[in-house]
N, C-alpha and C. Protein backbone atom coordinates (compact mmCIF):
# COMPACT_ATOMS: atom_id res chain seq x y z
N VAL A 1 87.52 183.39 -72.15
CA VAL A 1 86.54 183.00 -71.05
C VAL A 1 86.36 184.16 -70.19
N CYS A 2 85.01 184.54 -69.79
CA CYS A 2 84.82 185.65 -68.97
C CYS A 2 84.30 185.16 -67.57
N PRO A 3 85.14 185.58 -66.57
CA PRO A 3 84.79 184.97 -65.22
C PRO A 3 83.45 185.53 -64.75
N ALA A 4 82.86 184.96 -63.72
CA ALA A 4 81.70 185.68 -63.07
C ALA A 4 81.94 186.92 -62.46
N GLY A 5 81.08 187.76 -62.87
CA GLY A 5 81.21 189.27 -62.36
C GLY A 5 82.03 190.07 -63.28
N TRP A 6 82.41 189.55 -64.53
CA TRP A 6 83.23 190.25 -65.41
C TRP A 6 82.42 191.37 -66.11
N GLN A 7 83.13 192.55 -66.18
CA GLN A 7 82.52 193.76 -66.89
C GLN A 7 83.11 194.00 -68.11
N LYS A 8 82.57 194.39 -69.16
CA LYS A 8 83.13 194.84 -70.37
C LYS A 8 84.16 195.82 -70.28
N GLY A 9 85.36 195.44 -70.95
CA GLY A 9 86.63 196.30 -70.77
C GLY A 9 87.57 195.65 -69.74
N LYS A 10 87.06 194.74 -68.93
CA LYS A 10 88.07 194.24 -68.04
C LYS A 10 88.81 192.97 -68.79
N LYS A 11 89.77 192.58 -68.14
CA LYS A 11 90.64 191.50 -68.75
C LYS A 11 89.82 190.18 -68.60
N GLY A 12 89.76 189.32 -69.73
CA GLY A 12 89.29 188.07 -69.55
C GLY A 12 90.34 187.15 -68.92
N MET A 13 89.96 185.84 -69.07
CA MET A 13 90.96 184.95 -68.64
C MET A 13 91.12 183.79 -69.54
N LYS A 14 92.28 183.09 -69.54
CA LYS A 14 92.60 181.95 -70.43
C LYS A 14 91.92 180.69 -69.72
N ALA A 15 91.25 179.85 -70.62
CA ALA A 15 90.62 178.67 -69.91
C ALA A 15 91.59 177.57 -69.82
N ASP A 16 92.64 177.92 -68.97
CA ASP A 16 93.53 176.80 -68.56
C ASP A 16 93.98 177.12 -67.11
N PRO A 17 94.48 176.21 -66.38
CA PRO A 17 94.76 176.43 -64.92
C PRO A 17 95.82 177.55 -64.78
N GLN A 18 96.90 177.73 -65.63
CA GLN A 18 97.73 178.80 -65.57
C GLN A 18 97.15 180.17 -65.87
N GLY A 19 96.34 180.14 -66.90
CA GLY A 19 95.53 181.45 -67.16
C GLY A 19 94.72 181.80 -65.98
N VAL A 20 93.97 180.95 -65.34
CA VAL A 20 93.19 181.29 -64.26
C VAL A 20 93.95 181.75 -62.99
N ALA A 21 94.99 181.06 -62.87
CA ALA A 21 95.94 181.54 -61.63
C ALA A 21 96.53 182.99 -61.90
N GLU A 22 96.79 183.19 -63.19
CA GLU A 22 97.47 184.62 -63.48
C GLU A 22 96.34 185.60 -63.35
N TYR A 23 95.09 185.15 -63.80
CA TYR A 23 93.95 186.12 -63.64
C TYR A 23 93.70 186.44 -62.34
N LEU A 24 93.54 185.47 -61.50
CA LEU A 24 93.26 185.73 -60.00
C LEU A 24 94.36 186.50 -59.31
N ALA A 25 95.59 186.20 -59.70
CA ALA A 25 96.75 186.91 -59.04
C ALA A 25 96.58 188.45 -59.47
N GLU A 26 96.09 188.74 -60.63
CA GLU A 26 95.94 190.22 -61.03
C GLU A 26 94.68 190.81 -60.44
N GLU A 27 93.54 190.06 -60.47
CA GLU A 27 92.34 190.50 -60.27
C GLU A 27 91.72 190.32 -58.85
N ALA A 28 92.33 189.53 -58.07
CA ALA A 28 91.68 189.01 -56.65
C ALA A 28 91.41 190.28 -55.90
N ASP A 29 92.24 191.41 -55.86
CA ASP A 29 91.82 192.47 -55.19
C ASP A 29 90.74 193.40 -55.57
N LYS A 30 90.26 193.06 -56.97
CA LYS A 30 89.15 193.86 -57.44
C LYS A 30 87.82 192.99 -57.22
N LEU A 31 87.86 191.79 -56.87
CA LEU A 31 86.72 190.92 -56.71
C LEU A 31 85.87 191.22 -55.47
């Protein structure tokens, strides 16, 4: 799953609550 604002080469995220939480924990400072 590609989150809004995703750019090619950036990490995608898994389509489940834990995957989303992990993605946000890693990427929140870049949004």
